């Protein structure tokens, strides 16, 4: 049951990001490419890969690239500073979320969650 909840959250989030993505052009025949960067813990990336493939099955115009690392925040930090952030990320607990909010690096999702 817990995996289904996480799958639903991931699908919802990817849907929201796909709907208001910032750097996808859809230039290759209308295909939208999304980058998902996640903390790679003891369970690996299997769940995230599975969720991405399941989402792609029902949304053929979306291609999701999932990657991860146990120390992902160290890889993401320079990208956040440069403004080159992944479309969706789950960096685990090593990230200062409030600093990202203060710097305007986090997209407000209230209007998407209100429906």
PDB file of N, CA and C in Angstrom:
ATOM      1  N   UNK A   1       0.820  -1.194   0.000  1.00  0.00           N
ATOM      2  CA  UNK A   1       0.000   0.000   0.000  1.00  0.00           C
ATOM      3  C   UNK A   1       0.865   1.260   0.000  1.00  0.00           C
ATOM      4  N   UNK A   2       1.945   1.222   0.752  1.00  0.00           N
ATOM      5  CA  UNK A   2       2.818   2.389   0.834  1.00  0.00           C
ATOM      6  C   UNK A   2       3.435   2.704  -0.526  1.00  0.00           C
ATOM      7  N   UNK A   3       3.822   1.655  -1.274  1.00  0.00           N
ATOM      8  CA  UNK A   3       4.389   1.883  -2.600  1.00  0.00           C
ATOM      9  C   UNK A   3       3.360   2.507  -3.537  1.00  0.00           C
ATOM     10  N   UNK A   4       2.117   2.104  -3.421  1.00  0.00           N
ATOM     11  CA  UNK A   4       1.072   2.686  -4.264  1.00  0.00           C
ATOM     12  C   UNK A   4       0.881   4.165  -3.966  1.00  0.00           C
ATOM     13  N   UNK A   5       0.981   4.526  -2.702  1.00  0.00           N
ATOM     14  CA  UNK A   5       0.855   5.937  -2.336  1.00  0.00           C
ATOM     15  C   UNK A   5       2.005   6.735  -2.930  1.00  0.00           C
ATOM     16  N   UNK A   6       3.227   6.213  -2.808  1.00  0.00           N
ATOM     17  CA  UNK A   6       4.385   6.905  -3.375  1.00  0.00           C
ATOM     18  C   UNK A   6       4.280   6.996  -4.891  1.00  0.00           C
ATOM     19  N   UNK A   7       3.778   5.929  -5.526  1.00  0.00           N
ATOM     20  CA  UNK A   7       3.591   5.955  -6.972  1.00  0.00           C
ATOM     21  C   UNK A   7       2.597   7.045  -7.352  1.00  0.00           C
ATOM     22  N   UNK A   8       1.513   7.144  -6.608  1.00  0.00           N
ATOM     23  CA  UNK A   8       0.517   8.176  -6.885  1.00  0.00           C
ATOM     24  C   UNK A   8       1.106   9.572  -6.714  1.00  0.00           C
ATOM     25  N   UNK A   9       1.898   9.765  -5.673  1.00  0.00           N
ATOM     26  CA  UNK A   9       2.535  11.064  -5.445  1.00  0.00           C
ATOM     27  C   UNK A   9       3.495  11.390  -6.580  1.00  0.00           C
ATOM     28  N   UNK A  10       4.293  10.412  -6.993  1.00  0.00           N
ATOM     29  CA  UNK A  10       5.244  10.644  -8.080  1.00  0.00           C
ATOM     30  C   UNK A  10       4.515  10.970  -9.373  1.00  0.00           C
ATOM     31  N   UNK A  11       3.480  10.213  -9.681  1.00  0.00           N
ATOM     32  CA  UNK A  11       2.722  10.455 -10.909  1.00  0.00           C
ATOM     33  C   UNK A  11       2.081  11.834 -10.876  1.00  0.00           C
ATOM     34  N   UNK A  12       1.487  12.200  -9.754  1.00  0.00           N
ATOM     35  CA  UNK A  12       0.878  13.520  -9.628  1.00  0.00           C
ATOM     36  C   UNK A  12       1.918  14.617  -9.810  1.00  0.00           C
ATOM     37  N   UNK A  13       3.048  14.456  -9.173  1.00  0.00           N
ATOM     38  CA  UNK A  13       4.089  15.471  -9.255  1.00  0.00           C
ATOM     39  C   UNK A  13       4.635  15.588 -10.666  1.00  0.00           C
ATOM     40  N   UNK A  14       4.888  14.446 -11.307  1.00  0.00           N
ATOM     41  CA  UNK A  14       5.394  14.485 -12.678  1.00  0.00           C
ATOM     42  C   UNK A  14       4.358  15.123 -13.596  1.00  0.00           C
ATOM     43  N   UNK A  15       3.087  14.835 -13.366  1.00  0.00           N
ATOM     44  CA  UNK A  15       2.032  15.450 -14.167  1.00  0.00           C
ATOM     45  C   UNK A  15       2.050  16.963 -14.012  1.00  0.00           C
ATOM     46  N   UNK A  16       2.186  17.419 -12.794  1.00  0.00           N
ATOM     47  CA  UNK A  16       2.224  18.858 -12.535  1.00  0.00           C
ATOM     48  C   UNK A  16       3.436  19.487 -13.194  1.00  0.00           C
ATOM     49  N   UNK A  17       4.582  18.848 -13.029  1.00  0.00           N
ATOM     50  CA  UNK A  17       5.805  19.384 -13.617  1.00  0.00           C
ATOM     51  C   UNK A  17       5.711  19.371 -15.134  1.00  0.00           C
ATOM     52  N   UNK A  18       5.175  18.303 -15.702  1.00  0.00           N
ATOM     53  CA  UNK A  18       5.038  18.223 -17.158  1.00  0.00           C
ATOM     54  C   UNK A  18       4.109  19.309 -17.677  1.00  0.00           C
ATOM     55  N   UNK A  19       3.101  19.622 -16.901  1.00  0.00           N
ATOM     56  CA  UNK A  19       2.150  20.631 -17.330  1.00  0.00           C
ATOM     57  C   UNK A  19       2.696  22.040 -17.294  1.00  0.00           C
ATOM     58  N   UNK A  20       3.696  22.277 -16.485  1.00  0.00           N
ATOM     59  CA  UNK A  20       4.230  23.636 -16.385  1.00  0.00           C
ATOM     60  C   UNK A  20       5.746  23.621 -16.417  1.00  0.00           C
ATOM     61  N   UNK A  21       6.318  22.686 -17.133  1.00  0.00           N
ATOM     62  CA  UNK A  21       7.769  22.570 -17.224  1.00  0.00           C
ATOM     63  C   UNK A  21       8.390  23.831 -17.782  1.00  0.00           C
ATOM     64  N   UNK A  22       9.657  24.019 -17.476  1.00  0.00           N
ATOM     65  CA  UNK A  22      10.300  25.256 -17.866  1.00  0.00           C
ATOM     66  C   UNK A  22      11.297  25.111 -18.999  1.00  0.00           C
ATOM     67  N   UNK A  23      11.886  23.952 -19.188  1.00  0.00           N
ATOM     68  CA  UNK A  23      12.926  23.848 -20.198  1.00  0.00           C
ATOM     69  C   UNK A  23      12.628  22.812 -21.260  1.00  0.00           C
ATOM     70  N   UNK A  24      11.482  22.179 -21.213  1.00  0.00           N
ATOM     71  CA  UNK A  24      11.118  21.204 -22.220  1.00  0.00           C
ATOM     72  C   UNK A  24      10.529  21.946 -23.407  1.00  0.00           C
ATOM     73  N   UNK A  25      11.007  21.604 -24.585  1.00  0.00           N
ATOM     74  CA  UNK A  25      10.493  22.270 -25.765  1.00  0.00           C
ATOM     75  C   UNK A  25       9.525  21.396 -26.530  1.00  0.00           C
ATOM     76  N   UNK A  26       9.595  20.090 -26.324  1.00  0.00           N
ATOM     77  CA  UNK A  26       8.747  19.209 -27.101  1.00  0.00           C
ATOM     78  C   UNK A  26       9.152  19.202 -28.558  1.00  0.00           C
ATOM     79  N   UNK A  27      10.389  19.576 -28.842  1.00  0.00           N
ATOM     80  CA  UNK A  27      10.861  19.708 -30.205  1.00  0.00           C
ATOM     81  C   UNK A  27      10.987  18.405 -30.958  1.00  0.00           C
ATOM     82  N   UNK A  28      11.249  17.317 -30.315  1.00  0.00           N
ATOM     83  CA  UNK A  28      11.432  16.039 -30.993  1.00  0.00           C
ATOM     84  C   UNK A  28      10.087  15.344 -31.149  1.00  0.00           C
ATOM     85  N   UNK A  29       9.270  15.826 -32.088  1.00  0.00           N
ATOM     86  CA  UNK A  29       7.985  15.195 -32.323  1.00  0.00           C
ATOM     87  C   UNK A  29       7.029  15.333 -31.162  1.00  0.00           C
ATOM     88  N   UNK A  30       7.168  16.380 -30.377  1.00  0.00           N
ATOM     89  CA  UNK A  30       6.264  16.591 -29.268  1.00  0.00           C
ATOM     90  C   UNK A  30       6.616  15.823 -28.010  1.00  0.00           C
ATOM     91  N   UNK A  31       7.780  15.196 -27.963  1.00  0.00           N
ATOM     92  CA  UNK A  31       8.180  14.434 -26.783  1.00  0.00           C
ATOM     93  C   UNK A  31       8.732  15.384 -25.727  1.00  0.00           C
ATOM     94  N   UNK A  32       8.223  15.251 -24.518  1.00  0.00           N
ATOM     95  CA  UNK A  32       8.693  16.047 -23.386  1.00  0.00           C
ATOM     96  C   UNK A  32       9.635  15.178 -22.572  1.00  0.00           C
ATOM     97  N   UNK A  33      10.825  15.676 -22.319  1.00  0.00           N
ATOM     98  CA  UNK A  33      11.812  14.937 -21.528  1.00  0.00           C
ATOM     99  C   UNK A  33      11.898  15.542 -20.140  1.00  0.00           C
ATOM    100  N   UNK A  34      11.745  14.691 -19.131  1.00  0.00           N
ATOM    101  CA  UNK A  34      11.820  15.126 -17.745  1.00  0.00           C
ATOM    102  C   UNK A  34      13.000  14.461 -17.055  1.00  0.00           C
ATOM    103  N   UNK A  35      13.695  15.221 -16.238  1.00  0.00           N
ATOM    104  CA  UNK A  35      14.803  14.694 -15.447  1.00  0.00           C
ATOM    105  C   UNK A  35      14.350  14.579 -13.999  1.00  0.00           C
ATOM    106  N   UNK A  36      14.502  13.384 -13.439  1.00  0.00           N
ATOM    107  CA  UNK A  36      14.134  13.130 -12.052  1.00  0.00           C
ATOM    108  C   UNK A  36      15.387  12.673 -11.314  1.00  0.00           C
ATOM    109  N   UNK A  37      15.817  13.438 -10.328  1.00  0.00           N
ATOM    110  CA  UNK A  37      17.011  13.123  -9.545  1.00  0.00           C
ATOM    111  C   UNK A  37      16.576  12.750  -8.134  1.00  0.00           C
ATOM    112  N   UNK A  38      17.005  11.577  -7.667  1.00  0.00           N
ATOM    113  CA  UNK A  38      16.538  11.086  -6.371  1.00  0.00           C
ATOM    114  C   UNK A  38      17.691  10.590  -5.506  1.00  0.00           C
ATOM    115  N   UNK A  39      17.447  10.611  -4.207  1.00  0.00           N
ATOM    116  CA  UNK A  39      18.373  10.005  -3.258  1.00  0.00           C
ATOM    117  C   UNK A  39      18.342   8.500  -3.470  1.00  0.00           C
ATOM    118  N   UNK A  40      19.502   7.913  -3.652  1.00  0.00           N
ATOM    119  CA  UNK A  40      19.602   6.467  -3.865  1.00  0.00           C
ATOM    120  C   UNK A  40      20.010   5.815  -2.557  1.00  0.00           C
ATOM    121  N   UNK A  41      19.009   5.381  -1.816  1.00  0.00           N
ATOM    122  CA  UNK A  41      19.249   4.749  -0.528  1.00  0.00           C
ATOM    123  C   UNK A  41      19.378   3.249  -0.649  1.00  0.00           C
ATOM    124  N   UNK A  42      19.128   2.569   0.440  1.00  0.00           N
ATOM    125  CA  UNK A  42      19.288   1.125   0.509  1.00  0.00           C
ATOM    126  C   UNK A  42      18.411   0.334  -0.440  1.00  0.00           C
ATOM    127  N   UNK A  43      17.307   0.918  -0.888  1.00  0.00           N
ATOM    128  CA  UNK A  43      16.410   0.218  -1.804  1.00  0.00           C
ATOM    129  C   UNK A  43      16.732   0.509  -3.267  1.00  0.00           C
ATOM    130  N   UNK A  44      17.715   1.347  -3.510  1.00  0.00           N
ATOM    131  CA  UNK A  44      18.111   1.635  -4.880  1.00  0.00           C
ATOM    132  C   UNK A  44      17.119   2.510  -5.622  1.00  0.00           C
ATOM    133  N   UNK A  45      17.168   2.402  -6.942  1.00  0.00           N
ATOM    134  CA  UNK A  45      16.320   3.221  -7.801  1.00  0.00           C
ATOM    135  C   UNK A  45      15.151   2.452  -8.393  1.00  0.00           C
ATOM    136  N   UNK A  46      15.012   1.182  -8.043  1.00  0.00           N
ATOM    137  CA  UNK A  46      14.007   0.330  -8.682  1.00  0.00           C
ATOM    138  C   UNK A  46      12.606   0.926  -8.636  1.00  0.00           C
ATOM    139  N   UNK A  47      12.194   1.420  -7.490  1.00  0.00           N
ATOM    140  CA  UNK A  47      10.846   1.966  -7.373  1.00  0.00           C
ATOM    141  C   UNK A  47      10.651   3.163  -8.292  1.00  0.00           C
ATOM    142  N   UNK A  48      11.616   4.074  -8.302  1.00  0.00           N
ATOM    143  CA  UNK A  48      11.495   5.276  -9.124  1.00  0.00           C
ATOM    144  C   UNK A  48      11.504   4.929 -10.611  1.00  0.00           C
ATOM    145  N   UNK A  49      12.355   3.976 -10.998  1.00  0.00           N
ATOM    146  CA  UNK A  49      12.384   3.520 -12.391  1.00  0.00           C
ATOM    147  C   UNK A  49      11.043   2.894 -12.769  1.00  0.00           C
ATOM    148  N   UNK A  50      10.510   2.067 -11.890  1.00  0.00           N
ATOM    149  CA  UNK A  50       9.223   1.422 -12.144  1.00  0.00           C
ATOM    150  C   UNK A  50       8.119   2.467 -12.307  1.00  0.00           C
ATOM    151  N   UNK A  51       8.070   3.423 -11.398  1.00  0.00           N
ATOM    152  CA  UNK A  51       7.043   4.464 -11.460  1.00  0.00           C
ATOM    153  C   UNK A  51       7.164   5.272 -12.751  1.00  0.00           C
ATOM    154  N   UNK A  52       8.389   5.580 -13.148  1.00  0.00           N
ATOM    155  CA  UNK A  52       8.599   6.338 -14.385  1.00  0.00           C
ATOM    156  C   UNK A  52       8.126   5.547 -15.598  1.00  0.00           C
ATOM    157  N   UNK A  53       8.466   4.260 -15.673  1.00  0.00           N
ATOM    158  CA  UNK A  53       8.048   3.428 -16.819  1.00  0.00           C
ATOM    159  C   UNK A  53       6.532   3.286 -16.864  1.00  0.00           C
ATOM    160  N   UNK A  54       5.904   3.120 -15.709  1.00  0.00           N
ATOM    161  CA  UNK A  54       4.444   3.013 -15.667  1.00  0.00           C
ATOM    162  C   UNK A  54       3.797   4.312 -16.142  1.00  0.00           C
ATOM    163  N   UNK A  55       4.357   5.429 -15.743  1.00  0.00           N
ATOM    164  CA  UNK A  55       3.818   6.716 -16.173  1.00  0.00           C
ATOM    165  C   UNK A  55       3.988   6.889 -17.676  1.00  0.00           C
ATOM    166  N   UNK A  56       5.153   6.511 -18.196  1.00  0.00           N
ATOM    167  CA  UNK A  56       5.407   6.633 -19.630  1.00  0.00           C
ATOM    168  C   UNK A  56       4.450   5.780 -20.460  1.00  0.00           C
ATOM    169  N   UNK A  57       4.017   4.651 -19.917  1.00  0.00           N
ATOM    170  CA  UNK A  57       3.079   3.790 -20.646  1.00  0.00           C
ATOM    171  C   UNK A  57       1.768   4.509 -20.945  1.00  0.00           C
ATOM    172  N   UNK A  58       1.321   5.326 -20.024  1.00  0.00           N
ATOM    173  CA  UNK A  58       0.052   6.023 -20.213  1.00  0.00           C
ATOM    174  C   UNK A  58       0.226   7.440 -20.761  1.00  0.00           C
ATOM    175  N   UNK A  59       1.464   7.880 -20.885  1.00  0.00           N
ATOM    176  CA  UNK A  59       1.767   9.209 -21.426  1.00  0.00           C
ATOM    177  C   UNK A  59       2.916   9.065 -22.431  1.00  0.00           C
ATOM    178  N   UNK A  60       2.633   8.581 -23.642  1.00  0.00           N
ATOM    179  CA  UNK A  60       3.698   8.274 -24.603  1.00  0.00           C
ATOM    180  C   UNK A  60       4.491   9.485 -25.077  1.00  0.00           C
ATOM    181  N   UNK A  61       4.002  10.686 -24.843  1.00  0.00           N
ATOM    182  CA  UNK A  61       4.741  11.881 -25.244  1.00  0.00           C
ATOM    183  C   UNK A  61       5.725  12.351 -24.175  1.00  0.00           C
ATOM    184  N   UNK A  62       5.852  11.592 -23.090  1.00  0.00           N
ATOM    185  CA  UNK A  62       6.759  11.969 -22.003  1.00  0.00           C
ATOM    186  C   UNK A  62       7.816  10.894 -21.813  1.00  0.00           C
ATOM    187  N   UNK A  63       9.072  11.311 -21.770  1.00  0.00           N
ATOM    188  CA  UNK A  63      10.202  10.421 -21.504  1.00  0.00           C
ATOM    189  C   UNK A  63      10.849  10.892 -20.205  1.00  0.00           C
ATOM    190  N   UNK A  64      10.975   9.984 -19.240  1.00  0.00           N
ATOM    191  CA  UNK A  64      11.502  10.340 -17.923  1.00  0.00           C
ATOM    192  C   UNK A  64      12.870   9.702 -17.727  1.00  0.00           C
ATOM    193  N   UNK A  65      13.855  10.535 -17.431  1.00  0.00           N
ATOM    194  CA  UNK A  65      15.205  10.048 -17.120  1.00  0.00           C
ATOM    195  C   UNK A  65      15.371  10.123 -15.604  1.00  0.00           C
ATOM    196  N   UNK A  66      15.518   8.962 -14.982  1.00  0.00           N
ATOM    197  CA  UNK A  66      15.696   8.885 -13.529  1.00  0.00           C
ATOM    198  C   UNK A  66      17.159   8.589 -13.233  1.00  0.00           C
ATOM    199  N   UNK A  67      17.740   9.333 -12.333  1.00  0.00           N
ATOM    200  CA  UNK A  67      19.097   9.036 -11.874  1.00  0.00           C
ATOM    201  C   UNK A  67      19.169   9.322 -10.383  1.00  0.00           C
ATOM    202  N   UNK A  68      20.141   8.710  -9.741  1.00  0.00           N
ATOM    203  CA  UNK A  68      20.274   8.904  -8.310  1.00  0.00           C
ATOM    204  C   UNK A  68      21.683   8.647  -7.821  1.00  0.00           C
ATOM    205  N   UNK A  69      21.879   8.993  -6.567  1.00  0.00           N
ATOM    206  CA  UNK A  69      23.182   8.843  -5.946  1.00  0.00           C
ATOM    207  C   UNK A  69      22.977   8.909  -4.434  1.00  0.00           C
ATOM    208  N   UNK A  70      23.738   8.138  -3.660  1.00  0.00           N
ATOM    209  CA  UNK A  70      23.615   8.232  -2.204  1.00  0.00           C
ATOM    210  C   UNK A  70      23.976   9.618  -1.656  1.00  0.00           C
ATOM    211  N   UNK A  71      24.787  10.364  -2.389  1.00  0.00           N
ATOM    212  CA  UNK A  71      25.178  11.713  -1.958  1.00  0.00           C
ATOM    213  C   UNK A  71      24.683  12.741  -2.978  1.00  0.00           C
ATOM    214  N   UNK A  72      23.435  12.592  -3.342  1.00  0.00           N
ATOM    215  CA  UNK A  72      22.877  13.385  -4.435  1.00  0.00           C
ATOM    216  C   UNK A  72      22.920  14.887  -4.173  1.00  0.00           C
ATOM    217  N   UNK A  73      22.754  15.286  -2.922  1.00  0.00           N
ATOM    218  CA  UNK A  73      22.732  16.719  -2.657  1.00  0.00           C
ATOM    219  C   UNK A  73      24.045  17.374  -3.059  1.00  0.00           C
ATOM    220  N   UNK A  74      25.153  16.663  -2.918  1.00  0.00           N
ATOM    221  CA  UNK A  74      26.443  17.225  -3.334  1.00  0.00           C
ATOM    222  C   UNK A  74      26.482  17.454  -4.844  1.00  0.00           C
ATOM    223  N   UNK A  75      25.774  16.623  -5.592  1.00  0.00           N
ATOM    224  CA  UNK A  75      25.713  16.803  -7.043  1.00  0.00           C
ATOM    225  C   UNK A  75      24.694  17.866  -7.442  1.00  0.00           C
ATOM    226  N   UNK A  76      23.636  18.002  -6.665  1.00  0.00           N
ATOM    227  CA  UNK A  76      22.593  18.968  -7.008  1.00  0.00           C
ATOM    228  C   UNK A  76      22.931  20.397  -6.597  1.00  0.00           C
ATOM    229  N   UNK A  77      23.692  20.551  -5.524  1.00  0.00           N
ATOM    230  CA  UNK A  77      23.980  21.898  -5.003  1.00  0.00           C
ATOM    231  C   UNK A  77      24.502  22.844  -6.090  1.00  0.00           C
ATOM    232  N   UNK A  78      25.545  22.483  -6.857  1.00  0.00           N
ATOM    233  CA  UNK A  78      26.017  23.418  -7.882  1.00  0.00           C
ATOM    234  C   UNK A  78      24.982  23.667  -8.981  1.00  0.00           C
ATOM    235  N   UNK A  79      24.152  22.702  -9.246  1.00  0.00           N
ATOM    236  CA  UNK A  79      23.117  22.896 -10.265  1.00  0.00           C
ATOM    237  C   UNK A  79      22.048  23.871  -9.781  1.00  0.00           C
ATOM    238  N   UNK A  80      21.702  23.806  -8.497  1.00  0.00           N
ATOM    239  CA  UNK A  80      20.742  24.760  -7.949  1.00  0.00           C
ATOM    240  C   UNK A  80      21.322  26.165  -7.990  1.00  0.00           C
ATOM    241  N   UNK A  81      22.589  26.302  -7.660  1.00  0.00           N
ATOM    242  CA  UNK A  81      23.241  27.611  -7.686  1.00  0.00           C
ATOM    243  C   UNK A  81      23.246  28.170  -9.104  1.00  0.00           C
ATOM    244  N   UNK A  82      23.510  27.305 -10.092  1.00  0.00           N
ATOM    245  CA  UNK A  82      23.572  27.731 -11.488  1.00  0.00           C
ATOM    246  C   UNK A  82      22.193  27.912 -12.118  1.00  0.00           C
ATOM    247  N   UNK A  83      21.149  27.459 -11.422  1.00  0.00           N
ATOM    248  CA  UNK A  83      19.804  27.567 -11.977  1.00  0.00           C
ATOM    249  C   UNK A  83      19.444  26.450 -12.941  1.00  0.00           C
ATOM    250  N   UNK A  84      20.230  25.389 -12.962  1.00  0.00           N
ATOM    251  CA  UNK A  84      20.002  24.240 -13.839  1.00  0.00           C
ATOM    252  C   UNK A  84      19.510  23.068 -12.994  1.00  0.00           C
ATOM    253  N   UNK A  85      18.278  23.158 -12.540  1.00  0.00           N
ATOM    254  CA  UNK A  85      17.746  22.153 -11.616  1.00  0.00           C
ATOM    255  C   UNK A  85      16.984  21.071 -12.371  1.00  0.00           C
ATOM    256  N   UNK A  86      16.932  19.855 -11.814  1.00  0.00           N
ATOM    257  CA  UNK A  86      16.104  18.810 -12.422  1.00  0.00           C
ATOM    258  C   UNK A  86      14.628  19.215 -12.367  1.00  0.00           C
ATOM    259  N   UNK A  87      13.830  18.585 -13.206  1.00  0.00           N
ATOM    260  CA  UNK A  87      12.400  18.881 -13.215  1.00  0.00           C
ATOM    261  C   UNK A  87      11.735  18.443 -11.921  1.00  0.00           C
ATOM    262  N   UNK A  88      12.215  17.343 -11.366  1.00  0.00           N
ATOM    263  CA  UNK A  88      11.665  16.801 -10.128  1.00  0.00           C
ATOM    264  C   UNK A  88      12.812  16.191  -9.343  1.00  0.00           C
ATOM    265  N   UNK A  89      12.806  16.390  -8.031  1.00  0.00           N
ATOM    266  CA  UNK A  89      13.886  15.819  -7.233  1.00  0.00           C
ATOM    267  C   UNK A  89      13.380  15.361  -5.874  1.00  0.00           C
ATOM    268  N   UNK A  90      13.982  14.301  -5.401  1.00  0.00           N
ATOM    269  CA  UNK A  90      13.793  13.834  -4.026  1.00  0.00           C
ATOM    270  C   UNK A  90      15.198  13.613  -3.475  1.00  0.00           C
ATOM    271  N   UNK A  91      15.800  14.659  -2.920  1.00  0.00           N
ATOM    272  CA  UNK A  91      17.199  14.568  -2.509  1.00  0.00           C
ATOM    273  C   UNK A  91      17.426  14.015  -1.113  1.00  0.00           C
ATOM    274  N   UNK A  92      16.406  13.509  -0.476  1.00  0.00           N
ATOM    275  CA  UNK A  92      16.597  12.976   0.864  1.00  0.00           C
ATOM    276  C   UNK A  92      16.659  14.084   1.891  1.00  0.00           C
ATOM    277  N   UNK A  93      17.444  13.856   2.927  1.00  0.00           N
ATOM    278  CA  UNK A  93      17.426  14.757   4.076  1.00  0.00           C
ATOM    279  C   UNK A  93      18.603  15.707   4.133  1.00  0.00           C
ATOM    280  N   UNK A  94      19.497  15.673   3.180  1.00  0.00           N
ATOM    281  CA  UNK A  94      20.677  16.522   3.237  1.00  0.00           C
ATOM    282  C   UNK A  94      20.496  17.889   2.623  1.00  0.00           C
ATOM    283  N   UNK A  95      19.278  18.244   2.287  1.00  0.00           N
ATOM    284  CA  UNK A  95      19.045  19.496   1.585  1.00  0.00           C
ATOM    285  C   UNK A  95      18.370  20.502   2.508  1.00  0.00           C
ATOM    286  N   UNK A  96      18.767  21.753   2.404  1.00  0.00           N
ATOM    287  CA  UNK A  96      18.148  22.831   3.174  1.00  0.00           C
ATOM    288  C   UNK A  96      16.958  23.369   2.373  1.00  0.00           C
ATOM    289  N   UNK A  97      15.794  22.781   2.599  1.00  0.00           N
ATOM    290  CA  UNK A  97      14.599  23.136   1.836  1.00  0.00           C
ATOM    291  C   UNK A  97      14.220  24.600   2.000  1.00  0.00           C
ATOM    292  N   UNK A  98      14.339  25.108   3.208  1.00  0.00           N
ATOM    293  CA  UNK A  98      13.929  26.490   3.460  1.00  0.00           C
ATOM    294  C   UNK A  98      14.824  27.484   2.730  1.00  0.00           C
ATOM    295  N   UNK A  99      16.096  27.173   2.592  1.00  0.00           N
ATOM    296  CA  UNK A  99      16.985  28.053   1.826  1.00  0.00           C
ATOM    297  C   UNK A  99      16.570  28.073   0.354  1.00  0.00           C
ATOM    298  N   UNK A 100      16.171  26.917  -0.163  1.00  0.00           N
ATOM    299  CA  UNK A 100      15.716  26.861  -1.555  1.00  0.00           C
ATOM    300  C   UNK A 100      14.433  27.663  -1.751  1.00  0.00           C
ATOM    301  N   UNK A 101      13.531  27.584  -0.788  1.00  0.00           N
ATOM    302  CA  UNK A 101      12.295  28.363  -0.863  1.00  0.00           C
ATOM    303  C   UNK A 101      12.627  29.849  -0.843  1.00  0.00           C
ATOM    304  N   UNK A 102      13.506  30.254   0.073  1.00  0.00           N
ATOM    305  CA  UNK A 102      13.885  31.662   0.194  1.00  0.00           C
ATOM    306  C   UNK A 102      14.553  32.179  -1.076  1.00  0.00           C
ATOM    307  N   UNK A 103      15.290  31.312  -1.775  1.00  0.00           N
ATOM    308  CA  UNK A 103      15.983  31.709  -3.004  1.00  0.00           C
ATOM    309  C   UNK A 103      15.101  31.602  -4.247  1.00  0.00           C
ATOM    310  N   UNK A 104      13.856  31.177  -4.073  1.00  0.00           N
ATOM    311  CA  UNK A 104      12.952  31.056  -5.213  1.00  0.00           C
ATOM    312  C   UNK A 104      13.246  29.871  -6.113  1.00  0.00           C
ATOM    313  N   UNK A 105      13.872  28.829  -5.573  1.00  0.00           N
ATOM    314  CA  UNK A 105      14.242  27.653  -6.362  1.00  0.00           C
ATOM    315  C   UNK A 105      13.172  26.565  -6.336  1.00  0.00           C
ATOM    316  N   UNK A 106      12.111  26.764  -5.555  1.00  0.00           N
ATOM    317  CA  UNK A 106      11.056  25.761  -5.419  1.00  0.00           C
ATOM    318  C   UNK A 106       9.776  26.327  -6.023  1.00  0.00           C
ATOM    319  N   UNK A 107       9.138  25.531  -6.865  1.00  0.00           N
ATOM    320  CA  UNK A 107       7.900  25.971  -7.497  1.00  0.00           C
ATOM    321  C   UNK A 107       6.733  25.835  -6.522  1.00  0.00           C
ATOM    322  N   UNK A 108       5.960  26.884  -6.397  1.00  0.00           N
ATOM    323  CA  UNK A 108       4.774  26.834  -5.549  1.00  0.00           C
ATOM    324  C   UNK A 108       3.725  25.959  -6.226  1.00  0.00           C
ATOM    325  N   UNK A 109       3.167  25.017  -5.473  1.00  0.00           N
ATOM    326  CA  UNK A 109       2.233  24.058  -6.053  1.00  0.00           C
ATOM    327  C   UNK A 109       0.838  24.151  -5.449  1.00  0.00           C
ATOM    328  N   UNK A 110       0.567  25.188  -4.670  1.00  0.00           N
ATOM    329  CA  UNK A 110      -0.734  25.320  -4.012  1.00  0.00           C
ATOM    330  C   UNK A 110      -1.897  25.227  -4.992  1.00  0.00           C
ATOM    331  N   UNK A 111      -1.783  25.906  -6.124  1.00  0.00           N
ATOM    332  CA  UNK A 111      -2.909  25.932  -7.060  1.00  0.00           C
ATOM    333  C   UNK A 111      -3.169  24.562  -7.677  1.00  0.00           C
ATOM    334  N   UNK A 112      -2.142  23.712  -7.742  1.00  0.00           N
ATOM    335  CA  UNK A 112      -2.323  22.367  -8.286  1.00  0.00           C
ATOM    336  C   UNK A 112      -2.899  21.416  -7.243  1.00  0.00           C
ATOM    337  N   UNK A 113      -2.551  21.641  -5.998  1.00  0.00           N
ATOM    338  CA  UNK A 113      -3.014  20.771  -4.927  1.00  0.00           C
ATOM    339  C   UNK A 113      -4.408  21.141  -4.434  1.00  0.00           C
ATOM    340  N   UNK A 114      -4.893  22.320  -4.787  1.00  0.00           N
ATOM    341  CA  UNK A 114      -6.199  22.783  -4.329  1.00  0.00           C
ATOM    342  C   UNK A 114      -7.349  22.082  -5.048  1.00  0.00           C
ATOM    343  N   UNK A 115      -7.085  21.477  -6.175  1.00  0.00           N
ATOM    344  CA  UNK A 115      -8.169  20.841  -6.945  1.00  0.00           C
ATOM    345  C   UNK A 115      -8.378  19.410  -6.555  1.00  0.00           C
TER     346      UNK A 115
END
